[in-house]
Amino acid sequence: MKGILREELIGLETEVIEAKNKALVGIKGRIVDETKFTFSIETVKGIKKVLKSQATFKLPYKGEKLAVEGKLLIGRPYERLKK
């Protein structure tokens, strides 16, 4: 699991599988941008911004799909890569 925390996430396909805001559950698409606290996910209906701390994401890693709590992904992308 620690390995995915160091990966570049922009460009990966993702899905919101759990969220405090139930309207976010089921959002699927490609991560096109990342900030310290959010992902911008390109969906068929446009780009959606999702707070990392409010959701659990399904992300591909080494041929598997992992459920990753967004709280673990908080941080600027370049800072997270250094952890």
Protein backbone atom coordinates (compact mmCIF):
# COMPACT_ATOMS: atom_id res chain seq x y z
CA MET A 1 0.00 0.00 0.00
CA LYS A 2 2.83 2.43 0.79
CA GLY A 3 4.05 2.16 -2.79
CA ILE A 4 0.97 3.77 -4.28
CA LEU A 5 1.38 6.77 -1.99
CA ARG A 6 4.65 7.58 -3.77
CA GLU A 7 3.31 7.11 -7.30
CA GLU A 8 2.36 9.84 -9.75
CA LEU A 9 -1.45 9.79 -9.78
CA ILE A 10 -2.15 12.22 -12.61
CA GLY A 11 -3.30 10.22 -15.62
CA LEU A 12 -4.64 7.27 -13.63
CA GLU A 13 -8.23 6.08 -13.92
CA THR A 14 -10.04 6.34 -10.60
CA GLU A 15 -13.44 5.91 -9.02
CA VAL A 16 -14.87 7.40 -5.85
CA ILE A 17 -16.12 4.37 -3.93
CA GLU A 18 -16.99 6.06 -0.64
CA ALA A 19 -17.50 9.69 0.37
CA LYS A 20 -19.00 11.84 3.09
CA ASN A 21 -20.99 13.57 0.34
CA LYS A 22 -22.94 10.66 -1.17
CA ALA A 23 -23.37 12.61 -4.45
CA LEU A 24 -19.65 12.01 -5.12
CA VAL A 25 -19.87 8.21 -4.88
CA GLY A 26 -19.59 6.66 -8.32
CA ILE A 27 -17.61 9.43 -9.99
CA LYS A 28 -15.32 7.68 -12.48
CA GLY A 29 -12.67 9.13 -14.70
CA ARG A 30 -9.06 10.09 -15.21
CA ILE A 31 -7.16 12.27 -12.73
CA VAL A 32 -6.11 15.33 -14.73
CA ASP A 33 -4.84 17.56 -11.91
CA GLU A 34 -3.92 17.29 -8.25
CA THR A 35 -3.47 19.86 -5.53
CA LYS A 36 -2.64 19.46 -1.86
CA PHE A 37 -6.29 18.80 -0.96
CA THR A 38 -8.11 17.91 -4.21
CA PHE A 39 -8.20 15.75 -7.30
CA SER A 40 -9.62 17.04 -10.58
CA ILE A 41 -11.24 14.07 -12.27
CA GLU A 42 -12.20 14.21 -15.94
CA THR A 43 -15.54 12.42 -16.39
CA VAL A 44 -17.92 12.12 -19.31
CA LYS A 45 -19.87 15.04 -17.80
CA GLY A 46 -16.84 17.30 -17.36
CA ILE A 47 -14.18 17.87 -14.75
CA LYS A 48 -15.17 17.23 -11.13
CA LYS A 49 -13.13 18.37 -8.13
CA VAL A 50 -13.13 15.99 -5.18
CA LEU A 51 -11.64 16.70 -1.76
CA LYS A 52 -9.13 14.00 -0.89
CA SER A 53 -10.05 14.06 2.80
CA GLN A 54 -13.73 13.41 2.06
CA ALA A 55 -13.46 10.31 -0.12
CA THR A 56 -12.01 6.85 -0.69
CA PHE A 57 -10.67 6.20 -4.18
CA LYS A 58 -10.17 3.03 -6.20
CA LEU A 59 -6.77 3.33 -7.90
CA PRO A 60 -4.83 0.91 -10.13
CA TYR A 61 -1.50 -0.31 -8.78
CA LYS A 62 0.61 -3.16 -10.18
CA GLY A 63 -2.31 -4.78 -11.98
CA GLU A 64 -4.68 -4.53 -9.03
CA LYS A 65 -7.34 -2.03 -7.97
CA LEU A 66 -6.70 -0.70 -4.47
CA ALA A 67 -9.07 1.22 -2.25
CA VAL A 68 -7.11 4.16 -0.85
CA GLU A 69 -8.40 6.60 1.74
CA GLY A 70 -7.99 10.13 0.48
CA LYS A 71 -6.65 11.21 3.87
CA LEU A 72 -3.48 9.27 3.07
CA LEU A 73 -3.05 11.18 -0.19
CA ILE A 74 -3.23 14.68 1.30
CA GLY A 75 -0.20 16.73 0.41
CA ARG A 76 1.29 18.38 -2.60
CA PRO A 77 2.19 15.81 -5.24
CA TYR A 78 5.92 16.53 -5.11
CA GLU A 79 5.93 16.37 -1.29
CA ARG A 80 4.08 13.06 -1.27
CA LEU A 81 6.62 11.61 -3.70
CA LYS A 82 9.43 12.41 -1.27
CA LYS A 83 7.80 10.65 1.72
